[in-house]
Amino acid sequence: MPTKRKTPARSSKGGSDMGFLLGIVLLIVFGALFFIYGLPYLNGVTQTPQINVPNKIDVNVHQQ
């Protein structure tokens, strides 16, 4: 008579590896989007405007 073997039931862990992989992929995508769009935006915000002031200003006012 053949012997019967009982295999243990699978744990409820079944799909967490796929969630971990999906989390890593999303983290990479968000990181890439930050470097593509976020850093240039932050660099543009922090720059001060350039103001050109002439060396000589004529302050003589001629009225008629």
Protein backbone atom coordinates (compact mmCIF):
# COMPACT_ATOMS: atom_id res chain seq x y z
CA MET A 1 0.00 0.00 0.00
CA PRO A 2 1.41 3.38 -0.95
CA THR A 3 2.13 5.83 1.80
CA LYS A 4 0.30 9.09 1.77
CA ARG A 5 2.25 12.25 2.38
CA LYS A 6 0.63 15.38 3.61
CA THR A 7 2.20 18.47 2.21
CA PRO A 8 1.98 21.55 4.39
CA ALA A 9 -0.41 24.24 3.23
CA ARG A 10 1.06 27.27 1.58
CA SER A 11 1.51 30.26 3.77
CA SER A 12 -0.51 33.38 3.10
CA LYS A 13 2.70 35.10 1.95
CA GLY A 14 1.94 34.29 -1.71
CA GLY A 15 2.30 37.56 -3.75
CA SER A 16 4.46 39.70 -1.54
CA ASP A 17 7.42 39.18 -3.86
CA MET A 18 5.44 40.73 -6.70
CA GLY A 19 4.49 43.68 -4.51
CA PHE A 20 8.13 44.20 -3.55
CA LEU A 21 9.16 44.17 -7.21
CA LEU A 22 6.39 46.59 -8.11
CA GLY A 23 7.47 48.89 -5.28
CA ILE A 24 11.08 48.91 -6.51
CA VAL A 25 9.97 49.68 -10.08
CA LEU A 26 7.74 52.54 -8.89
CA LEU A 27 10.57 53.92 -6.77
CA ILE A 28 12.88 53.94 -9.78
CA VAL A 29 10.24 55.63 -11.96
CA PHE A 30 9.55 58.35 -9.38
CA GLY A 31 13.29 58.90 -8.92
CA ALA A 32 13.78 59.30 -12.66
CA LEU A 33 10.86 61.73 -12.90
CA PHE A 34 12.33 63.75 -10.04
CA PHE A 35 15.68 64.04 -11.81
CA ILE A 36 14.06 64.89 -15.15
CA TYR A 37 11.44 67.39 -13.99
CA GLY A 38 12.00 68.20 -10.32
CA LEU A 39 15.62 69.30 -10.26
CA PRO A 40 15.37 71.68 -13.26
CA TYR A 41 12.27 73.24 -11.68
CA LEU A 42 14.02 73.71 -8.34
CA ASN A 43 17.05 75.18 -10.09
CA GLY A 44 14.85 77.69 -11.95
CA VAL A 45 13.06 78.74 -8.78
CA THR A 46 16.24 79.42 -6.82
CA GLN A 47 17.90 81.62 -9.46
CA THR A 48 17.76 85.35 -8.83
CA PRO A 49 16.79 87.66 -11.69
CA GLN A 50 19.59 89.42 -13.51
CA ILE A 51 19.40 93.21 -13.29
CA ASN A 52 21.48 95.33 -15.67
CA VAL A 53 22.36 98.82 -14.39
CA PRO A 54 24.19 101.20 -16.75
CA ASN A 55 27.48 102.72 -15.63
CA LYS A 56 26.38 106.30 -16.34
CA ILE A 57 22.95 107.78 -15.85
CA ASP A 58 22.07 111.19 -17.31
CA VAL A 59 20.22 113.02 -14.56
CA ASN A 60 20.11 116.40 -16.30
CA VAL A 61 16.51 117.38 -16.90
CA HIS A 62 16.01 120.00 -19.58
CA GLN A 63 12.71 121.84 -19.34
CA GLN A 64 11.54 124.42 -21.84
